[in-house]
């Protein structure tokens, strides 16, 4: 290969390397991180799904641990929720699932233990601000 051709190939290769790191920017809109605790009748609510649904855009999801703690995820790789007002849905219901591949991922159905005002007919709302947000939900089984 001629030296000029080798130089051109090298420069072309280097330009691809440099350009691949430029201008790509993130397509992710501004997010605020959101975590908190969910309680039911002043006791931690474990295994509840927490959904923040903005007026427009993708919802963020979280699941409570044994202490009722949750952290919202916007995508698989990114925690947080869109900035602004959200309708909040908290549910404990789980649909049955049968893993027909034999992978052992079968799941039994679990009924909803929360009143509809927290899920199907939710009255819960939250405002997500830039930065870190701690948003707790103190739920009651009866009012």
C-alpha atoms as a PDB file:
ATOM      1  CA  UNK A   1       0.000   0.000   0.000  1.00  0.00           C
ATOM      2  CA  UNK A   2       1.310   3.431  -0.909  1.00  0.00           C
ATOM      3  CA  UNK A   3       2.188   5.782   1.974  1.00  0.00           C
ATOM      4  CA  UNK A   4      -0.453   8.321   0.868  1.00  0.00           C
ATOM      5  CA  UNK A   5      -3.167   5.639   0.789  1.00  0.00           C
ATOM      6  CA  UNK A   6      -2.080   4.372   4.217  1.00  0.00           C
ATOM      7  CA  UNK A   7      -2.198   7.916   5.597  1.00  0.00           C
ATOM      8  CA  UNK A   8      -5.693   8.459   4.159  1.00  0.00           C
ATOM      9  CA  UNK A   9      -6.934   5.163   5.656  1.00  0.00           C
ATOM     10  CA  UNK A  10      -5.467   6.083   9.042  1.00  0.00           C
ATOM     11  CA  UNK A  11      -7.030   9.552   8.982  1.00  0.00           C
ATOM     12  CA  UNK A  12     -10.389   8.117   7.934  1.00  0.00           C
ATOM     13  CA  UNK A  13     -10.284   5.553  10.748  1.00  0.00           C
ATOM     14  CA  UNK A  14      -9.353   8.190  13.317  1.00  0.00           C
ATOM     15  CA  UNK A  15     -12.146  10.491  12.161  1.00  0.00           C
ATOM     16  CA  UNK A  16     -14.688   7.707  12.799  1.00  0.00           C
ATOM     17  CA  UNK A  17     -13.302   7.216  16.292  1.00  0.00           C
ATOM     18  CA  UNK A  18     -13.517  10.929  17.109  1.00  0.00           C
ATOM     19  CA  UNK A  19     -16.925  11.465  15.520  1.00  0.00           C
ATOM     20  CA  UNK A  20     -18.477   8.512  17.311  1.00  0.00           C
ATOM     21  CA  UNK A  21     -17.921  10.332  20.601  1.00  0.00           C
ATOM     22  CA  UNK A  22     -19.278  13.696  19.445  1.00  0.00           C
ATOM     23  CA  UNK A  23     -22.717  15.120  19.004  1.00  0.00           C
ATOM     24  CA  UNK A  24     -24.599  11.989  20.066  1.00  0.00           C
ATOM     25  CA  UNK A  25     -26.076  13.671  23.108  1.00  0.00           C
ATOM     26  CA  UNK A  26     -28.641  11.970  25.272  1.00  0.00           C
ATOM     27  CA  UNK A  27     -32.189  11.583  24.056  1.00  0.00           C
ATOM     28  CA  UNK A  28     -33.317  11.295  27.673  1.00  0.00           C
ATOM     29  CA  UNK A  29     -35.416  14.270  28.804  1.00  0.00           C
ATOM     30  CA  UNK A  30     -34.641  16.012  32.115  1.00  0.00           C
ATOM     31  CA  UNK A  31     -35.343  13.704  35.054  1.00  0.00           C
ATOM     32  CA  UNK A  32     -35.517  14.008  38.809  1.00  0.00           C
ATOM     33  CA  UNK A  33     -34.517  11.044  40.942  1.00  0.00           C
ATOM     34  CA  UNK A  34     -37.401   9.762  43.055  1.00  0.00           C
ATOM     35  CA  UNK A  35     -37.392   7.465  46.057  1.00  0.00           C
ATOM     36  CA  UNK A  36     -39.468   7.099  49.170  1.00  0.00           C
ATOM     37  CA  UNK A  37     -41.399   4.795  51.454  1.00  0.00           C
ATOM     38  CA  UNK A  38     -44.890   3.362  51.051  1.00  0.00           C
ATOM     39  CA  UNK A  39     -46.786   2.390  54.187  1.00  0.00           C
ATOM     40  CA  UNK A  40     -50.227   0.904  54.704  1.00  0.00           C
ATOM     41  CA  UNK A  41     -51.820   1.650  58.075  1.00  0.00           C
ATOM     42  CA  UNK A  42     -48.408   2.832  59.333  1.00  0.00           C
ATOM     43  CA  UNK A  43     -46.654  -0.450  58.360  1.00  0.00           C
ATOM     44  CA  UNK A  44     -44.226  -0.850  55.438  1.00  0.00           C
ATOM     45  CA  UNK A  45     -45.952  -2.105  52.292  1.00  0.00           C
ATOM     46  CA  UNK A  46     -43.770  -4.750  50.618  1.00  0.00           C
ATOM     47  CA  UNK A  47     -43.942  -5.907  46.980  1.00  0.00           C
ATOM     48  CA  UNK A  48     -46.117  -3.042  45.749  1.00  0.00           C
ATOM     49  CA  UNK A  49     -45.663  -1.572  42.281  1.00  0.00           C
ATOM     50  CA  UNK A  50     -45.360   2.223  42.197  1.00  0.00           C
ATOM     51  CA  UNK A  51     -46.040   3.990  38.886  1.00  0.00           C
ATOM     52  CA  UNK A  52     -45.586   7.710  38.210  1.00  0.00           C
ATOM     53  CA  UNK A  53     -47.519   8.656  35.056  1.00  0.00           C
ATOM     54  CA  UNK A  54     -46.755  12.150  33.720  1.00  0.00           C
ATOM     55  CA  UNK A  55     -49.290  14.155  31.711  1.00  0.00           C
ATOM     56  CA  UNK A  56     -47.207  13.407  28.599  1.00  0.00           C
ATOM     57  CA  UNK A  57     -44.420  10.909  28.147  1.00  0.00           C
ATOM     58  CA  UNK A  58     -43.139   7.653  29.514  1.00  0.00           C
ATOM     59  CA  UNK A  59     -44.115   6.518  33.023  1.00  0.00           C
ATOM     60  CA  UNK A  60     -41.538   5.604  35.658  1.00  0.00           C
ATOM     61  CA  UNK A  61     -41.819   2.437  37.708  1.00  0.00           C
ATOM     62  CA  UNK A  62     -40.608   1.115  41.030  1.00  0.00           C
ATOM     63  CA  UNK A  63     -41.248  -1.772  43.393  1.00  0.00           C
ATOM     64  CA  UNK A  64     -41.205  -1.630  47.172  1.00  0.00           C
ATOM     65  CA  UNK A  65     -38.845  -3.805  49.173  1.00  0.00           C
ATOM     66  CA  UNK A  66     -39.629  -5.479  52.512  1.00  0.00           C
ATOM     67  CA  UNK A  67     -39.277  -2.103  54.282  1.00  0.00           C
ATOM     68  CA  UNK A  68     -41.592  -0.289  51.847  1.00  0.00           C
ATOM     69  CA  UNK A  69     -38.702   1.568  50.146  1.00  0.00           C
ATOM     70  CA  UNK A  70     -38.885   2.251  46.418  1.00  0.00           C
ATOM     71  CA  UNK A  71     -36.782   3.963  43.754  1.00  0.00           C
ATOM     72  CA  UNK A  72     -38.249   4.884  40.374  1.00  0.00           C
ATOM     73  CA  UNK A  73     -36.678   3.779  37.101  1.00  0.00           C
ATOM     74  CA  UNK A  74     -37.295   5.668  33.860  1.00  0.00           C
ATOM     75  CA  UNK A  75     -35.581   3.033  31.719  1.00  0.00           C
ATOM     76  CA  UNK A  76     -33.697  -0.152  32.467  1.00  0.00           C
ATOM     77  CA  UNK A  77     -30.478   1.862  32.677  1.00  0.00           C
ATOM     78  CA  UNK A  78     -31.693   5.169  34.101  1.00  0.00           C
ATOM     79  CA  UNK A  79     -33.383   5.992  37.407  1.00  0.00           C
ATOM     80  CA  UNK A  80     -35.782   8.895  37.811  1.00  0.00           C
ATOM     81  CA  UNK A  81     -39.003  10.391  36.503  1.00  0.00           C
ATOM     82  CA  UNK A  82     -39.885  13.232  34.166  1.00  0.00           C
ATOM     83  CA  UNK A  83     -39.924  16.683  35.762  1.00  0.00           C
ATOM     84  CA  UNK A  84     -43.451  17.910  36.501  1.00  0.00           C
ATOM     85  CA  UNK A  85     -46.809  16.650  37.794  1.00  0.00           C
ATOM     86  CA  UNK A  86     -47.638  12.946  37.860  1.00  0.00           C
ATOM     87  CA  UNK A  87     -50.605  10.750  38.608  1.00  0.00           C
ATOM     88  CA  UNK A  88     -49.434   7.990  40.959  1.00  0.00           C
ATOM     89  CA  UNK A  89     -50.681   4.412  40.946  1.00  0.00           C
ATOM     90  CA  UNK A  90     -49.781   1.963  43.711  1.00  0.00           C
ATOM     91  CA  UNK A  91     -50.901  -1.640  43.357  1.00  0.00           C
ATOM     92  CA  UNK A  92     -50.272  -4.988  45.009  1.00  0.00           C
ATOM     93  CA  UNK A  93     -52.205  -7.061  42.463  1.00  0.00           C
ATOM     94  CA  UNK A  94     -50.225  -9.543  40.390  1.00  0.00           C
ATOM     95  CA  UNK A  95     -51.494 -11.481  37.393  1.00  0.00           C
ATOM     96  CA  UNK A  96     -50.726 -15.189  37.159  1.00  0.00           C
ATOM     97  CA  UNK A  97     -47.966 -16.144  34.754  1.00  0.00           C
ATOM     98  CA  UNK A  98     -47.015 -19.571  33.477  1.00  0.00           C
ATOM     99  CA  UNK A  99     -43.526 -19.930  32.071  1.00  0.00           C
ATOM    100  CA  UNK A 100     -44.076 -22.456  29.314  1.00  0.00           C
ATOM    101  CA  UNK A 101     -40.354 -22.710  28.651  1.00  0.00           C
ATOM    102  CA  UNK A 102     -39.863 -24.606  31.896  1.00  0.00           C
ATOM    103  CA  UNK A 103     -37.597 -21.892  33.251  1.00  0.00           C
ATOM    104  CA  UNK A 104     -39.290 -21.933  36.651  1.00  0.00           C
ATOM    105  CA  UNK A 105     -40.584 -18.371  36.400  1.00  0.00           C
ATOM    106  CA  UNK A 106     -44.213 -19.265  37.126  1.00  0.00           C
ATOM    107  CA  UNK A 107     -46.054 -16.704  39.220  1.00  0.00           C
ATOM    108  CA  UNK A 108     -49.312 -17.091  41.078  1.00  0.00           C
ATOM    109  CA  UNK A 109     -51.953 -14.386  40.997  1.00  0.00           C
ATOM    110  CA  UNK A 110     -52.185 -12.092  44.000  1.00  0.00           C
ATOM    111  CA  UNK A 111     -55.308 -10.023  44.678  1.00  0.00           C
ATOM    112  CA  UNK A 112     -55.318  -6.265  45.253  1.00  0.00           C
ATOM    113  CA  UNK A 113     -55.254  -5.393  48.950  1.00  0.00           C
ATOM    114  CA  UNK A 114     -55.318  -1.616  48.475  1.00  0.00           C
ATOM    115  CA  UNK A 115     -58.430   0.518  48.001  1.00  0.00           C
ATOM    116  CA  UNK A 116     -59.158   1.552  44.394  1.00  0.00           C
ATOM    117  CA  UNK A 117     -58.354   5.206  45.223  1.00  0.00           C
ATOM    118  CA  UNK A 118     -54.676   4.222  45.147  1.00  0.00           C
ATOM    119  CA  UNK A 119     -54.737   2.330  41.824  1.00  0.00           C
ATOM    120  CA  UNK A 120     -57.717   1.787  39.462  1.00  0.00           C
ATOM    121  CA  UNK A 121     -59.351   5.067  40.572  1.00  0.00           C
ATOM    122  CA  UNK A 122     -56.244   6.776  41.871  1.00  0.00           C
ATOM    123  CA  UNK A 123     -56.422  10.126  43.583  1.00  0.00           C
ATOM    124  CA  UNK A 124     -52.675  10.183  44.276  1.00  0.00           C
ATOM    125  CA  UNK A 125     -50.495  12.842  42.662  1.00  0.00           C
ATOM    126  CA  UNK A 126     -46.882  13.941  42.984  1.00  0.00           C
ATOM    127  CA  UNK A 127     -44.690  16.748  41.662  1.00  0.00           C
ATOM    128  CA  UNK A 128     -41.203  15.712  40.512  1.00  0.00           C
ATOM    129  CA  UNK A 129     -38.612  18.489  40.701  1.00  0.00           C
ATOM    130  CA  UNK A 130     -35.078  18.613  39.283  1.00  0.00           C
ATOM    131  CA  UNK A 131     -32.563  16.858  41.523  1.00  0.00           C
ATOM    132  CA  UNK A 132     -33.390  14.415  44.279  1.00  0.00           C
ATOM    133  CA  UNK A 133     -37.003  13.891  45.405  1.00  0.00           C
ATOM    134  CA  UNK A 134     -38.174  11.958  48.462  1.00  0.00           C
ATOM    135  CA  UNK A 135     -41.879  11.203  48.083  1.00  0.00           C
ATOM    136  CA  UNK A 136     -43.525   9.022  50.733  1.00  0.00           C
ATOM    137  CA  UNK A 137     -47.032   7.581  50.561  1.00  0.00           C
ATOM    138  CA  UNK A 138     -48.909   6.965  53.808  1.00  0.00           C
ATOM    139  CA  UNK A 139     -51.826   4.789  52.697  1.00  0.00           C
ATOM    140  CA  UNK A 140     -54.852   3.694  54.722  1.00  0.00           C
ATOM    141  CA  UNK A 141     -56.789   0.479  54.150  1.00  0.00           C
ATOM    142  CA  UNK A 142     -59.984   2.186  55.374  1.00  0.00           C
ATOM    143  CA  UNK A 143     -61.075   5.772  55.910  1.00  0.00           C
END
